[in-house]
Protein backbone atom coordinates (compact mmCIF):
# COMPACT_ATOMS: atom_id res chain seq x y z
CA MET A 1 43.70 76.47 9.30
CA ALA A 2 43.13 76.43 5.54
CA ALA A 3 44.19 73.36 3.62
CA SER A 4 46.95 75.38 1.92
CA SER A 5 48.59 75.95 5.32
CA TYR A 6 49.52 72.30 5.62
CA ASP A 7 52.99 73.06 4.29
CA ALA A 8 53.58 75.70 6.99
CA ALA A 9 52.60 73.25 9.73
CA LEU A 10 54.70 70.50 8.21
CA ALA A 11 57.76 72.73 7.90
CA ARG A 12 57.72 73.21 11.67
CA LEU A 13 57.12 69.54 12.32
CA LEU A 14 60.05 68.52 10.12
CA ALA A 15 62.30 70.96 11.99
CA HIS A 16 61.52 69.05 15.17
CA GLU A 17 61.71 65.57 13.69
CA GLY A 18 65.13 66.08 12.11
CA GLY A 19 66.77 63.70 9.65
CA TYR A 20 67.81 60.06 9.79
CA THR A 21 68.01 58.50 13.25
CA ASN A 22 68.24 55.03 14.73
CA HIS A 23 68.23 55.66 18.46
CA PRO A 24 68.59 52.59 20.75
CA ALA A 25 65.90 53.99 23.08
CA ASP A 26 63.41 54.67 20.28
CA PRO A 27 61.06 51.71 19.67
CA GLY A 28 60.37 53.01 16.15
CA GLY A 29 63.79 51.88 14.96
CA PRO A 30 65.30 53.45 11.80
CA THR A 31 63.51 56.76 11.18
CA ASN A 32 63.88 59.63 8.71
CA PHE A 33 62.03 62.97 8.82
CA GLY A 34 60.11 61.37 11.68
CA ILE A 35 58.83 58.53 9.46
CA THR A 36 59.54 55.08 10.93
CA ILE A 37 60.68 52.09 8.94
CA ALA A 38 57.28 50.44 9.56
CA ASP A 39 55.42 53.35 7.95
CA TYR A 40 57.86 53.56 5.07
CA ARG A 41 57.25 49.88 4.37
CA LYS A 42 53.49 50.42 4.55
CA TYR A 43 53.24 53.51 2.35
CA VAL A 44 56.24 53.36 0.01
CA LYS A 45 58.33 50.20 -0.12
CA PRO A 46 57.40 46.87 1.48
CA GLY A 47 60.47 45.15 2.91
CA ALA A 48 62.47 48.40 3.04
CA SER A 49 65.77 48.27 4.93
CA ALA A 50 67.43 50.84 7.18
CA ALA A 51 69.38 52.02 4.12
CA ASP A 52 66.11 52.66 2.26
CA VAL A 53 64.83 54.73 5.16
CA ARG A 54 68.06 56.74 5.17
CA ALA A 55 67.56 57.45 1.44
CA MET A 56 63.93 58.56 1.88
CA THR A 57 63.08 61.83 0.10
CA VAL A 58 61.32 64.69 1.87
CA GLU A 59 58.50 64.49 -0.69
CA GLU A 60 57.86 60.87 0.30
CA ALA A 61 57.75 61.93 3.95
CA LYS A 62 55.32 64.79 3.19
CA ALA A 63 52.93 62.44 1.39
CA ILE A 64 52.92 60.03 4.33
CA TYR A 65 52.29 62.83 6.83
CA ARG A 66 49.38 64.20 4.84
CA ASP A 67 47.70 60.82 4.45
CA LYS A 68 48.36 59.19 7.82
CA TYR A 69 48.11 62.19 10.15
CA TRP A 70 46.68 65.36 8.57
CA ALA A 71 43.86 63.88 6.51
CA ALA A 72 43.12 61.08 9.00
CA GLN A 73 42.44 63.66 11.73
CA ARG A 74 40.49 65.97 9.36
CA CYS A 75 42.82 68.83 10.17
CA ASP A 76 41.51 70.81 7.19
CA VAL A 77 38.20 71.37 9.00
CA LEU A 78 39.56 72.00 12.51
CA PRO A 79 39.87 75.58 13.80
CA ALA A 80 43.14 77.36 13.12
CA GLY A 81 45.66 76.40 15.78
CA VAL A 82 43.77 73.37 17.03
CA ASP A 83 44.61 71.66 13.74
CA ASN A 84 48.34 72.16 14.27
CA ALA A 85 48.23 71.08 17.93
CA VAL A 86 46.33 67.89 17.07
CA PHE A 87 48.46 67.18 13.98
CA ASP A 88 51.80 67.43 15.78
CA TYR A 89 50.52 65.49 18.79
CA GLY A 90 49.29 62.74 16.48
CA VAL A 91 52.68 62.47 14.80
CA ASN A 92 54.52 62.33 18.11
CA SER A 93 52.21 59.99 20.04
CA GLY A 94 49.78 58.46 17.54
CA ILE A 95 46.46 59.70 16.18
CA GLY A 96 44.55 57.40 18.50
CA ARG A 97 45.88 59.29 21.50
CA SER A 98 45.68 62.80 20.01
CA GLY A 99 42.10 62.20 18.87
CA ARG A 100 40.95 60.87 22.22
CA VAL A 101 42.65 63.73 24.06
CA LEU A 102 40.76 66.19 21.84
CA HIS A 103 37.50 64.44 22.76
CA ARG A 104 38.30 64.63 26.48
CA VAL A 105 39.32 68.29 26.31
CA LEU A 106 35.93 69.04 24.76
CA GLY A 107 34.05 67.04 27.39
CA LEU A 108 33.11 64.27 24.94
CA ARG A 109 33.41 60.50 25.33
CA ASP A 110 36.86 59.31 24.32
CA ASP A 111 35.95 55.82 23.10
CA ASP A 112 36.53 57.08 19.53
CA TRP A 113 39.50 59.10 18.27
CA ARG A 114 37.96 60.24 14.98
CA THR A 115 36.94 63.84 14.28
CA GLY A 116 33.19 63.63 13.88
CA ASP A 117 30.50 66.28 13.68
CA ASP A 118 30.16 66.19 17.48
CA VAL A 119 33.79 67.30 17.78
CA LEU A 120 33.32 70.16 15.32
CA ALA A 121 30.14 71.30 17.07
CA ALA A 122 31.86 71.26 20.47
CA LEU A 123 34.84 73.20 19.10
CA ALA A 124 32.51 75.90 17.78
CA ARG A 125 31.34 76.51 21.36
CA ARG A 126 34.78 76.60 22.96
CA ASP A 127 37.54 79.17 23.21
CA THR A 128 40.14 78.02 20.68
CA GLY A 129 43.10 79.33 22.66
CA LYS A 130 42.06 77.47 25.80
CA VAL A 131 41.60 74.25 23.82
CA ILE A 132 45.11 74.58 22.38
CA VAL A 133 46.70 75.23 25.78
CA THR A 134 44.85 72.32 27.39
CA ILE A 135 45.86 69.89 24.63
CA CYS A 136 49.53 70.91 24.82
CA ASP A 137 49.63 70.82 28.63
CA GLU A 138 48.12 67.33 28.64
CA ARG A 139 50.62 66.27 26.00
CA LEU A 140 53.55 67.41 28.12
CA ARG A 141 52.21 65.60 31.20
CA PHE A 142 51.86 62.41 29.16
CA LEU A 143 55.40 62.65 27.82
CA GLN A 144 56.77 63.24 31.31
CA SER A 145 55.19 59.94 32.38
CA LEU A 146 57.13 57.91 29.79
CA LYS A 147 60.21 55.89 30.73
CA THR A 148 62.18 57.55 27.91
CA TRP A 149 61.61 61.06 29.33
CA GLY A 150 65.17 61.03 30.71
CA VAL A 151 66.50 60.53 27.18
CA PHE A 152 64.15 62.71 25.11
CA GLY A 153 62.65 65.05 27.72
CA LYS A 154 64.61 68.18 26.85
CA GLY A 155 63.76 67.94 23.16
CA TRP A 156 60.13 67.06 23.84
CA SER A 157 59.68 70.04 26.19
CA ALA A 158 61.04 72.43 23.57
CA ARG A 159 58.85 70.88 20.90
CA VAL A 160 55.60 71.13 22.88
CA ALA A 161 56.38 74.75 23.82
CA GLU A 162 56.98 75.67 20.17
CA VAL A 163 53.84 73.85 19.02
CA LYS A 164 51.77 75.68 21.63
CA ALA A 165 53.20 79.08 20.67
CA PHE A 166 52.73 78.52 16.93
CA SER A 167 49.21 77.14 17.38
CA LEU A 168 48.20 80.20 19.41
CA GLN A 169 49.62 82.40 16.65
CA LEU A 170 47.44 80.61 14.13
CA ALA A 171 44.37 80.93 16.35
CA ALA A 172 44.95 84.68 16.72
CA GLY A 173 45.53 85.17 12.99
CA ALA A 174 48.94 86.67 13.71
CA ALA A 175 51.72 86.97 11.16
CA LEU A 176 53.65 83.71 11.12
CA ALA A 177 57.29 83.62 12.07
CA PRO A 178 59.59 81.41 9.98
CA PRO A 179 59.89 77.81 11.18
CA PRO A 180 62.65 77.08 13.70
CA ALA A 181 65.93 75.58 12.62
CA THR A 182 66.27 71.83 13.07
CA THR A 183 66.35 71.17 16.80
CA SER A 184 67.75 68.51 19.08
CA ALA A 185 64.28 67.00 19.32
CA GLY A 186 65.31 64.65 16.53
CA LYS A 187 65.74 61.50 18.55
CA GLY A 188 69.06 60.51 17.08
CA GLU A 189 70.58 63.82 18.08
CA VAL A 190 69.97 63.31 21.79
CA PRO A 191 73.08 61.77 23.41
CA VAL A 192 72.52 58.20 24.52
CA PRO A 193 73.46 57.56 28.14
CA ARG A 194 76.47 55.26 28.27
CA VAL A 195 74.53 52.84 30.40
CA VAL A 196 72.16 52.41 27.43
CA GLN A 197 74.85 52.18 24.78
CA HIS A 198 77.42 50.06 26.54
CA GLY A 199 75.65 48.53 29.52
CA SER A 200 77.35 45.15 29.23
CA ALA A 201 80.80 46.68 28.69
CA GLY A 202 80.32 48.96 31.70
CA ALA A 203 79.29 46.01 33.85
CA VAL A 204 82.41 44.09 32.83
CA ILE A 205 84.68 47.02 33.67
CA ALA A 206 82.94 47.54 37.01
CA ALA A 207 83.34 43.87 37.88
CA GLY A 208 86.98 43.94 36.84
CA ALA A 209 87.65 47.02 38.94
CA ALA A 210 86.04 45.37 41.95
CA ALA A 211 88.15 42.24 41.44
CA ALA A 212 91.35 44.27 41.13
CA ARG A 213 90.50 46.25 44.27
CA GLN A 214 89.82 43.06 46.20
CA ALA A 215 93.10 41.51 44.99
CA HIS A 216 95.01 44.60 46.05
CA GLN A 217 93.40 44.58 49.50
CA SER A 218 94.27 40.89 49.83
CA GLY A 219 97.95 41.63 49.30
CA ALA A 220 98.32 40.48 45.68
CA SER A 221 101.32 41.72 43.76
CA ALA A 222 101.12 44.83 41.60
CA GLY A 223 101.59 42.62 38.54
CA MET A 224 98.59 40.48 39.46
CA VAL A 225 96.40 43.56 40.04
CA ALA A 226 97.48 45.01 36.69
CA ALA A 227 96.76 41.71 34.93
CA ILE A 228 93.23 41.67 36.33
CA ALA A 229 92.65 45.25 35.18
CA VAL A 230 93.95 44.54 31.68
CA ALA A 231 91.79 41.42 31.42
CA SER A 232 88.67 43.36 32.42
CA ILE A 233 89.35 46.01 29.79
CA ALA A 234 89.83 43.37 27.10
CA ALA A 235 86.58 41.69 28.12
CA ALA A 236 84.79 45.05 27.97
CA ILE A 237 86.03 45.62 24.41
CA VAL A 238 84.68 42.22 23.39
CA ALA A 239 81.33 42.96 25.09
CA TYR A 240 81.02 46.30 23.29
CA ALA A 241 81.90 44.74 19.92
CA LEU A 242 79.22 42.10 20.45
CA TRP A 243 76.63 44.78 21.40
CA ARG A 244 77.51 46.82 18.32
CA TRP A 245 77.28 43.79 16.03
CA ARG A 246 73.83 42.95 17.36
CA ALA A 247 72.67 46.57 16.99
CA LEU A 248 73.76 46.71 13.35
CA ARG A 249 72.01 43.42 12.58
CA GLN A 250 68.82 44.68 14.23
CA GLN A 251 68.65 47.69 11.91
CA ASP A 252 67.90 45.58 8.87
CA LYS A 253 65.48 43.11 10.44
CA PRO A 254 61.95 43.19 9.00
CA ALA A 255 59.35 44.87 11.21
């Protein structure tokens, strides 16, 4: 892919990354346009808060993507299609992993992730389409092995499929379709299971329900059973409020 096509690749990546998120299951914490708070602090504003990440401009995000992912992986000199597959993989799972996967796909040692002359020489001897398909298939298998697959799996599957299709278009020199609309692959747009959001509150309610059931079976009065149920609900509200307070405080902690 020519250097000028970076914007086309990035437009598709941003459609998958979405806007501001702060998903409890995402270890990256506050994120905007796919840029984590740690990277924003490194490239733009040391000590940035969650509010700063929310206010991030798309131009700031583009500059970070070009420096940290596109240029670092030498995407400008990779074959059309392979560049996009490696770029998007690097953003999603880190350039260390995407670079080593590229080495393995080409039959090279994977003790170095960087795109050296050996990588370029090996790519010149390989079928570009097969390289793209192999990279994307390995990427999907890796994502399926993660503990957060149950939360993000649907969005990840759609993303890898779109990256594969677009990369093959680039490799074939086909006319490019417009980028997809923003998808649910943005982590904050995936519903959080209630067990993740309100685990302690759910446990309190479950315990209260068990206690009420036991009291009823023991012959307690209806008033006593109702009192136990009400108490468990009140305790659950307190537990949820405490969880929410801690979550809000965590957003603004330094990395």
